[in-house]
Protein backbone atom coordinates (compact mmCIF):
# COMPACT_ATOMS: atom_id res chain seq x y z
CA UNK A 1 -24.51 35.85 29.41
CA UNK A 2 -25.59 34.24 26.13
CA UNK A 3 -29.27 34.39 25.41
CA UNK A 4 -29.43 30.75 25.02
CA UNK A 5 -27.80 28.54 27.41
CA UNK A 6 -25.79 25.40 26.25
CA UNK A 7 -27.88 23.29 28.27
CA UNK A 8 -30.94 24.31 27.09
CA UNK A 9 -32.64 23.60 23.72
CA UNK A 10 -33.89 25.82 21.41
CA UNK A 11 -37.32 23.62 21.87
CA UNK A 12 -36.70 23.99 25.94
CA UNK A 13 -36.07 27.78 25.22
CA UNK A 14 -40.17 28.10 23.18
CA UNK A 15 -41.38 25.99 25.59
CA UNK A 16 -42.74 29.07 27.85
CA UNK A 17 -45.52 29.80 23.83
CA UNK A 18 -46.86 26.59 24.30
CA UNK A 19 -50.87 26.87 25.46
CA UNK A 20 -51.37 26.17 29.49
CA UNK A 21 -47.46 27.34 30.05
CA UNK A 22 -47.82 30.41 28.33
CA UNK A 23 -51.54 31.05 30.07
CA UNK A 24 -49.63 30.30 33.48
CA UNK A 25 -47.06 33.13 32.94
CA UNK A 26 -48.83 35.63 31.96
CA UNK A 27 -51.45 35.59 35.05
CA UNK A 28 -48.29 35.52 37.05
CA UNK A 29 -47.07 38.10 35.66
CA UNK A 30 -50.18 40.01 35.88
CA UNK A 31 -50.58 39.38 39.81
CA UNK A 32 -46.78 40.36 39.77
CA UNK A 33 -47.94 43.70 38.09
CA UNK A 34 -51.06 44.20 41.02
CA UNK A 35 -48.36 44.03 43.79
CA UNK A 36 -45.66 46.36 41.92
CA UNK A 37 -48.42 49.21 41.81
CA UNK A 38 -50.17 48.09 44.94
CA UNK A 39 -46.79 49.12 46.40
CA UNK A 40 -46.02 52.27 44.35
CA UNK A 41 -49.12 54.04 45.20
CA UNK A 42 -49.07 53.25 48.92
CA UNK A 43 -45.73 55.11 48.80
CA UNK A 44 -47.45 57.86 46.58
CA UNK A 45 -50.00 57.90 49.31
CA UNK A 46 -47.65 58.56 52.44
CA UNK A 47 -44.86 60.67 50.66
CA UNK A 48 -46.48 63.78 50.36
CA UNK A 49 -47.41 63.92 53.90
CA UNK A 50 -43.83 62.67 55.33
CA UNK A 51 -42.53 65.41 53.03
CA UNK A 52 -44.39 67.57 54.58
CA UNK A 53 -43.31 66.64 58.13
CA UNK A 54 -39.89 67.05 57.23
CA UNK A 55 -40.06 70.78 56.40
CA UNK A 56 -40.59 70.67 52.34
CA UNK A 57 -42.99 72.93 50.91
CA UNK A 58 -45.28 72.63 47.13
CA UNK A 59 -41.64 73.50 45.28
CA UNK A 60 -39.78 70.95 47.11
CA UNK A 61 -42.07 68.55 47.00
CA UNK A 62 -41.82 69.03 43.53
CA UNK A 63 -37.99 69.38 43.44
CA UNK A 64 -38.53 65.51 44.68
CA UNK A 65 -40.61 64.27 41.89
CA UNK A 66 -37.96 65.52 39.33
CA UNK A 67 -35.53 63.72 41.02
CA UNK A 68 -37.50 60.44 40.28
CA UNK A 69 -38.04 61.68 37.27
CA UNK A 70 -34.71 61.86 36.26
CA UNK A 71 -33.04 59.52 37.67
CA UNK A 72 -35.79 56.79 35.78
CA UNK A 73 -35.71 59.20 32.56
CA UNK A 74 -32.06 57.58 32.49
CA UNK A 75 -32.73 54.30 33.66
CA UNK A 76 -36.28 53.00 31.35
CA UNK A 77 -34.39 52.68 28.26
CA UNK A 78 -31.10 51.08 29.86
CA UNK A 79 -33.66 48.57 31.58
CA UNK A 80 -35.33 47.99 28.52
CA UNK A 81 -32.05 47.04 26.61
CA UNK A 82 -31.54 44.42 29.45
CA UNK A 83 -34.22 42.91 29.07
CA UNK A 84 -33.74 41.88 25.79
CA UNK A 85 -30.70 40.87 26.42
CA UNK A 86 -30.49 38.68 29.43
CA UNK A 87 -34.38 37.66 29.52
CA UNK A 88 -37.58 38.99 31.52
CA UNK A 89 -36.79 37.26 34.86
CA UNK A 90 -33.12 38.97 34.95
CA UNK A 91 -35.17 42.33 34.40
CA UNK A 92 -37.72 41.96 36.66
CA UNK A 93 -35.75 40.58 39.77
CA UNK A 94 -33.40 43.21 39.41
CA UNK A 95 -36.46 45.53 39.87
CA UNK A 96 -37.88 43.95 43.20
CA UNK A 97 -34.69 44.05 44.61
CA UNK A 98 -34.50 48.26 43.63
CA UNK A 99 -38.13 48.25 45.07
CA UNK A 100 -37.40 46.51 48.30
CA UNK A 101 -34.09 49.41 48.80
CA UNK A 102 -36.17 52.04 47.40
CA UNK A 103 -38.79 51.56 50.10
CA UNK A 104 -36.92 49.93 53.06
CA UNK A 105 -34.77 53.28 52.69
CA UNK A 106 -38.17 55.33 53.04
CA UNK A 107 -39.01 53.64 56.36
CA UNK A 108 -35.84 55.18 57.63
CA UNK A 109 -36.18 58.74 56.32
CA UNK A 110 -35.73 60.36 58.82
CA UNK A 111 -34.51 63.71 56.64
CA UNK A 112 -34.77 66.12 53.85
CA UNK A 113 -30.78 64.10 52.45
CA UNK A 114 -32.77 60.74 53.69
CA UNK A 115 -35.82 61.46 51.51
CA UNK A 116 -33.84 62.49 48.06
CA UNK A 117 -31.87 59.66 48.84
CA UNK A 118 -34.62 57.11 49.31
CA UNK A 119 -35.35 58.34 45.28
CA UNK A 120 -31.90 57.28 44.15
CA UNK A 121 -32.33 52.83 43.43
CA UNK A 122 -35.97 54.41 41.18
CA UNK A 123 -33.36 54.15 38.20
CA UNK A 124 -34.31 50.27 38.16
CA UNK A 125 -37.94 50.23 39.13
CA UNK A 126 -39.30 49.31 36.12
CA UNK A 127 -41.65 46.99 37.58
CA UNK A 128 -44.93 47.81 34.79
CA UNK A 129 -42.73 47.97 31.64
CA UNK A 130 -40.96 44.46 33.04
CA UNK A 131 -44.67 43.04 33.08
CA UNK A 132 -45.49 44.77 29.93
CA UNK A 133 -42.26 42.91 28.19
CA UNK A 134 -43.10 39.51 29.18
CA UNK A 135 -46.81 40.23 27.76
CA UNK A 136 -45.40 41.56 24.82
CA UNK A 137 -43.37 38.56 24.54
CA UNK A 138 -46.35 36.21 24.71
CA UNK A 139 -49.23 37.68 22.41
CA UNK A 140 -49.64 38.18 18.81
CA UNK A 141 -49.34 41.71 17.59
CA UNK A 142 -53.52 41.92 16.67
CA UNK A 143 -53.84 40.81 20.32
CA UNK A 144 -51.13 42.99 21.96
CA UNK A 145 -53.24 45.81 22.42
CA UNK A 146 -56.00 44.41 24.54
CA UNK A 147 -53.78 42.14 26.72
CA UNK A 148 -51.87 45.44 27.55
CA UNK A 149 -54.98 47.19 28.27
CA UNK A 150 -55.33 43.57 30.82
CA UNK A 151 -52.01 45.00 32.53
CA UNK A 152 -53.90 48.56 32.35
CA UNK A 153 -57.02 46.63 34.81
CA UNK A 154 -54.17 45.34 36.88
CA UNK A 155 -52.99 48.77 37.66
CA UNK A 156 -55.95 49.87 38.67
CA UNK A 157 -56.69 47.52 40.89
CA UNK A 158 -53.15 48.11 42.41
CA UNK A 159 -54.08 51.85 42.39
CA UNK A 160 -57.31 50.78 44.73
CA UNK A 161 -55.28 48.08 46.67
CA UNK A 162 -52.53 50.67 47.46
CA UNK A 163 -54.33 54.14 47.80
CA UNK A 164 -56.53 52.47 50.44
CA UNK A 165 -54.09 50.71 52.19
CA UNK A 166 -51.32 53.79 52.02
CA UNK A 167 -53.76 55.70 53.60
CA UNK A 168 -55.07 53.65 56.19
CA UNK A 169 -51.58 52.71 57.26
CA UNK A 170 -49.98 56.02 57.25
CA UNK A 171 -53.29 57.10 59.69
CA UNK A 172 -52.76 54.44 62.00
CA UNK A 173 -49.68 52.91 62.24
CA UNK A 174 -47.59 55.54 60.75
CA UNK A 175 -45.69 56.12 57.54
CA UNK A 176 -42.29 54.33 58.28
CA UNK A 177 -44.85 51.18 59.43
CA UNK A 178 -46.74 51.64 55.45
CA UNK A 179 -42.80 52.01 53.79
CA UNK A 180 -41.92 48.68 55.08
CA UNK A 181 -44.93 46.63 54.15
CA UNK A 182 -44.21 48.18 50.72
CA UNK A 183 -40.45 46.57 51.33
CA UNK A 184 -41.75 43.17 52.38
CA UNK A 185 -44.18 43.27 49.21
CA UNK A 186 -41.62 43.16 47.01
CA UNK A 187 -39.86 40.97 48.10
CA UNK A 188 -42.52 38.93 47.51
CA UNK A 189 -43.34 39.97 44.25
CA UNK A 190 -38.92 38.60 43.81
CA UNK A 191 -39.66 35.60 44.88
CA UNK A 192 -42.87 35.46 42.53
CA UNK A 193 -40.34 36.37 39.71
CA UNK A 194 -38.02 34.37 40.79
CA UNK A 195 -40.02 30.62 40.69
CA UNK A 196 -42.92 31.45 37.94
CA UNK A 197 -41.32 33.53 35.06
CA UNK A 198 -39.22 31.68 32.62
CA UNK A 199 -35.38 32.87 32.09
CA UNK A 200 -36.54 33.78 28.17
CA UNK A 201 -40.05 34.90 26.96
CA UNK A 202 -38.96 35.91 23.58
CA UNK A 203 -39.16 32.96 20.74
CA UNK A 204 -35.36 32.14 20.53
CA UNK A 205 -33.56 30.50 17.33
CA UNK A 206 -30.91 28.68 17.36
CA UNK A 207 -27.66 30.65 17.91
CA UNK A 208 -26.09 31.78 15.24
CA UNK A 209 -22.77 34.50 14.81
CA UNK A 210 -25.22 37.30 14.25
CA UNK A 211 -26.55 36.43 17.60
CA UNK A 212 -22.94 36.34 19.38
CA UNK A 213 -22.19 39.11 17.53
CA UNK A 214 -25.54 41.40 18.99
CA UNK A 215 -25.01 40.11 22.51
CA UNK A 216 -21.44 40.51 23.24
CA UNK A 217 -23.01 44.43 22.58
CA UNK A 218 -23.39 46.43 26.06
CA UNK A 219 -27.04 47.01 27.87
CA UNK A 220 -25.13 50.91 27.73
CA UNK A 221 -24.82 50.70 23.77
CA UNK A 222 -26.93 54.11 23.34
CA UNK A 223 -26.74 53.31 19.04
CA UNK A 224 -28.98 50.67 19.84
CA UNK A 225 -31.47 52.18 21.96
CA UNK A 226 -31.74 55.19 19.51
CA UNK A 227 -31.45 53.49 16.66
CA UNK A 228 -35.25 52.30 16.71
CA UNK A 229 -36.26 56.22 16.45
CA UNK A 230 -35.06 55.49 12.80
CA UNK A 231 -37.83 52.72 12.02
CA UNK A 232 -41.09 54.45 10.18
CA UNK A 233 -43.41 55.87 12.45
CA UNK A 234 -41.64 55.91 15.32
CA UNK A 235 -40.26 58.95 15.44
CA UNK A 236 -43.76 60.51 14.92
CA UNK A 237 -45.26 58.74 17.59
CA UNK A 238 -42.54 59.56 19.98
CA UNK A 239 -43.69 62.79 19.51
CA UNK A 240 -47.04 62.95 19.84
CA UNK A 241 -46.81 60.45 22.92
CA UNK A 242 -44.86 63.19 24.20
CA UNK A 243 -46.48 66.42 23.44
CA UNK A 244 -50.02 65.37 24.11
CA UNK A 245 -48.95 64.22 27.25
CA UNK A 246 -47.08 66.37 28.71
CA UNK A 247 -50.05 68.78 30.22
CA UNK A 248 -51.81 65.55 31.07
CA UNK A 249 -48.66 64.37 32.82
CA UNK A 250 -48.35 68.28 35.07
CA UNK A 251 -51.34 67.33 36.58
CA UNK A 252 -51.03 63.96 37.45
CA UNK A 253 -47.74 64.56 38.98
CA UNK A 254 -49.40 67.94 40.93
CA UNK A 255 -52.19 66.21 42.31
CA UNK A 256 -50.95 65.01 45.51
CA UNK A 257 -49.73 68.99 45.95
CA UNK A 258 -53.92 69.29 44.53
CA UNK A 259 -55.53 67.22 46.99
CA UNK A 260 -53.74 68.52 50.01
CA UNK A 261 -54.06 72.28 49.47
CA UNK A 262 -56.68 72.75 46.64
CA UNK A 263 -59.25 70.40 47.80
CA UNK A 264 -57.73 69.63 51.64
CA UNK A 265 -58.23 66.23 51.67
CA UNK A 266 -56.89 64.49 54.87
CA UNK A 267 -54.23 60.98 53.84
CA UNK A 268 -57.15 58.67 54.43
CA UNK A 269 -59.92 61.16 51.99
CA UNK A 270 -56.92 61.48 49.92
CA UNK A 271 -56.31 57.23 49.46
CA UNK A 272 -60.24 57.14 48.78
CA UNK A 273 -60.02 59.23 46.26
CA UNK A 274 -57.28 57.25 44.35
CA UNK A 275 -59.48 54.35 44.84
CA UNK A 276 -61.68 56.04 43.39
CA UNK A 277 -59.64 56.70 40.50
CA UNK A 278 -58.42 52.88 40.33
CA UNK A 279 -61.77 51.88 39.99
CA UNK A 280 -62.58 53.44 37.10
CA UNK A 281 -59.36 52.59 35.48
CA UNK A 282 -60.37 48.49 36.10
CA UNK A 283 -63.75 49.66 34.23
CA UNK A 284 -62.37 50.93 31.06
CA UNK A 285 -59.14 48.90 31.28
CA UNK A 286 -60.56 45.30 31.62
CA UNK A 287 -64.04 46.02 30.29
CA UNK A 288 -64.07 49.26 27.61
CA UNK A 289 -60.85 48.92 26.10
CA UNK A 290 -60.49 45.39 24.42
CA UNK A 291 -64.05 45.91 22.99
CA UNK A 292 -62.60 48.98 21.20
CA UNK A 293 -59.80 47.96 19.31
CA UNK A 294 -61.18 45.00 18.12
CA UNK A 295 -63.80 46.98 16.20
CA UNK A 296 -61.71 50.48 15.78
CA UNK A 297 -58.58 51.23 14.35
CA UNK A 298 -55.78 52.22 16.71
CA UNK A 299 -55.35 55.44 14.45
CA UNK A 300 -58.96 56.36 15.10
CA UNK A 301 -58.59 55.44 19.10
CA UNK A 302 -55.69 57.52 19.33
CA UNK A 303 -57.49 60.82 17.79
CA UNK A 304 -60.80 59.77 20.13
CA UNK A 305 -58.30 59.54 23.18
CA UNK A 306 -56.75 63.40 22.33
CA UNK A 307 -59.37 64.71 21.32
CA UNK A 308 -60.92 63.70 24.70
CA UNK A 309 -58.31 64.49 26.73
CA UNK A 310 -58.44 68.60 25.28
CA UNK A 311 -62.12 68.61 26.33
CA UNK A 312 -61.13 67.15 29.69
CA UNK A 313 -58.84 70.34 30.52
CA UNK A 314 -61.65 72.29 29.16
CA UNK A 315 -63.48 71.09 31.85
CA UNK A 316 -60.75 71.76 34.48
CA UNK A 317 -60.31 75.31 34.12
CA UNK A 318 -63.88 75.49 35.49
CA UNK A 319 -63.13 73.01 38.26
CA UNK A 320 -64.33 74.37 41.78
CA UNK A 321 -64.23 71.75 44.13
CA UNK A 322 -63.08 67.85 44.32
CA UNK A 323 -66.91 66.24 43.75
CA UNK A 324 -66.41 67.93 40.08
CA UNK A 325 -63.32 65.89 39.70
CA UNK A 326 -64.71 62.84 40.62
CA UNK A 327 -67.34 63.54 37.45
CA UNK A 328 -64.15 64.31 35.34
CA UNK A 329 -62.42 61.52 36.21
CA UNK A 330 -64.41 59.53 33.74
CA UNK A 331 -63.71 61.27 30.80
CA UNK A 332 -59.86 61.43 32.03
CA UNK A 333 -59.14 57.92 33.01
CA UNK A 334 -60.78 57.14 29.97
CA UNK A 335 -57.89 58.99 27.47
CA UNK A 336 -55.65 58.26 29.50
CA UNK A 337 -55.93 54.83 29.70
CA UNK A 338 -56.46 54.34 25.62
CA UNK A 339 -53.75 56.70 24.62
CA UNK A 340 -51.18 55.07 26.82
CA UNK A 341 -52.20 51.42 25.69
CA UNK A 342 -52.51 52.02 21.84
CA UNK A 343 -49.31 54.21 21.54
CA UNK A 344 -47.40 51.14 23.50
CA UNK A 345 -49.00 48.73 20.92
CA UNK A 346 -48.04 50.91 18.07
CA UNK A 347 -44.54 51.35 18.96
CA UNK A 348 -43.80 47.87 20.04
CA UNK A 349 -45.24 46.27 16.42
CA UNK A 350 -43.32 48.74 14.33
CA UNK A 351 -39.41 47.14 15.86
CA UNK A 352 -38.43 43.41 15.87
CA UNK A 353 -39.11 41.07 18.50
CA UNK A 354 -35.87 41.34 19.66
CA UNK A 355 -36.43 45.13 20.55
CA UNK A 356 -40.18 44.64 21.90
CA UNK A 357 -38.13 45.09 25.54
CA UNK A 358 -35.67 48.33 24.46
CA UNK A 359 -38.68 49.95 22.80
CA UNK A 360 -41.15 49.80 26.57
CA UNK A 361 -38.23 51.14 28.03
CA UNK A 362 -38.03 53.57 25.61
CA UNK A 363 -41.75 54.18 26.39
CA UNK A 364 -41.59 54.11 30.11
CA UNK A 365 -38.59 56.66 29.82
CA UNK A 366 -41.36 59.46 28.01
CA UNK A 367 -43.27 59.07 31.09
CA UNK A 368 -40.21 59.75 33.44
CA UNK A 369 -39.76 62.79 31.25
CA UNK A 370 -42.72 64.58 32.15
CA UNK A 371 -42.54 63.20 35.70
CA UNK A 372 -39.05 65.56 35.26
CA UNK A 373 -40.00 68.52 33.91
CA UNK A 374 -43.57 68.29 34.87
CA UNK A 375 -43.15 69.06 38.92
CA UNK A 376 -40.82 72.29 37.89
CA UNK A 377 -43.52 73.65 35.15
CA UNK A 378 -46.10 72.56 37.30
CA UNK A 379 -45.16 74.43 40.29
CA UNK A 380 -44.57 77.38 38.67
CA UNK A 381 -47.96 77.28 36.75
CA UNK A 382 -49.92 76.50 40.67
CA UNK A 383 -48.36 79.01 42.74
CA UNK A 384 -48.60 81.84 39.76
CA UNK A 385 -52.10 81.39 38.01
CA UNK A 386 -53.34 78.00 40.40
CA UNK A 387 -55.21 75.17 39.04
CA UNK A 388 -56.93 75.90 36.31
CA UNK A 389 -54.04 76.97 34.40
CA UNK A 390 -53.37 73.22 33.78
CA UNK A 391 -56.57 72.73 32.07
CA UNK A 392 -55.95 75.53 30.17
CA UNK A 393 -52.40 74.24 28.74
CA UNK A 394 -54.52 70.77 27.82
CA UNK A 395 -56.92 71.67 26.47
CA UNK A 396 -54.97 74.22 24.21
CA UNK A 397 -52.33 71.90 23.31
CA UNK A 398 -54.12 68.65 22.99
CA UNK A 399 -56.31 70.89 20.34
CA UNK A 400 -53.12 71.39 17.88
CA UNK A 401 -51.71 67.54 18.53
CA UNK A 402 -55.95 66.61 17.41
CA UNK A 403 -56.24 69.14 14.50
CA UNK A 404 -52.79 67.61 13.40
CA UNK A 405 -53.72 64.25 13.44
CA UNK A 406 -56.97 64.92 12.01
CA UNK A 407 -55.53 66.66 9.03
CA UNK A 408 -52.53 63.51 8.24
CA UNK A 409 -55.40 60.63 8.75
CA UNK A 410 -57.70 62.37 5.98
CA UNK A 411 -54.49 63.27 3.94
CA UNK A 412 -53.41 59.89 4.09
CA UNK A 413 -57.00 58.58 2.85
CA UNK A 414 -56.99 61.29 0.25
CA UNK A 415 -53.03 59.23 -1.02
CA UNK A 416 -54.35 56.31 -1.37
CA UNK A 417 -57.32 56.99 -3.03
CA UNK A 418 -55.45 58.17 -5.86
């Protein structure tokens, strides 16, 4: 499949970058992101309780989460490469189709084996990275962090809606009905993508021999995926993203267990708590990040987010109940939001526009990597050392990364002065 159909002129392909049409595509993309996150958090709020009904203990819930991390770790870079080769619409349609199958299998899961099988379509479920690809293609580099921050606002809205809806539907009508609602919602997302998202969102040049050669390469070409790591600054930013994000990632993947066992929350109460997360995230990503990126450098904001994450870990060490945790959520969501938006923005700016999809796929794979190793590490820590151990590790790791980055910034300033 070529990147530009013969029937399409370069003008018609780049039409999407004209004023009103570009804005319409971005707004619809935001709506699709809200829906995708809504169904994801709906599933988050019911799966632990369904797993418990089927006889899963904390360890096996961890294995279930690890499986999702593994399949999405494998699928993330390939999904991004697919989007770069065949366009955002094809990639997002693929993700929506996988979501319909995923939630449909969840609805009929009546055994431990079926609960594991239903996770397999997650290899192609990358709705938020797909939305990030569209927004990245349609925004200028200097506006990218703000635009990605607004996608974070969509994440918050979806978190509120999905958590509340999931808790309410599962309590009143059962997990099967809630999963069916998610499957139907994913089909609506598919229709929105097919109707409103253009086949190509990148600015296309007339096709030449080099372009044809690029198109001949396989989606599974690992060389094309890994070569992005050779661009200046990419490997370093990726290491920071992985190392600094690991402790908070462990806490996030174990949170459903913490809410159920440590905080003793019922499904509906857990839904309300997740909705509170979403509201905080909406305020931060919708009203704070844009202003910060217009006033401060991305390096400074990245350093701020890592330093604050370290302090959040210290606070978690002394956390004793859900009331105290609600106060910790404020700086925690701020540091997570700024960290994710800034690192994604920095990484997409380091590669050509033709490779931003693959880069965002790699960014998504970082989160999948954390979800892959997080449950195993988290289960071990929770069983042996309790919830406080998550805070100790987050404080220590992020403090080390903070000192390392601060020294690099100081050295860079000294070199420029010389």
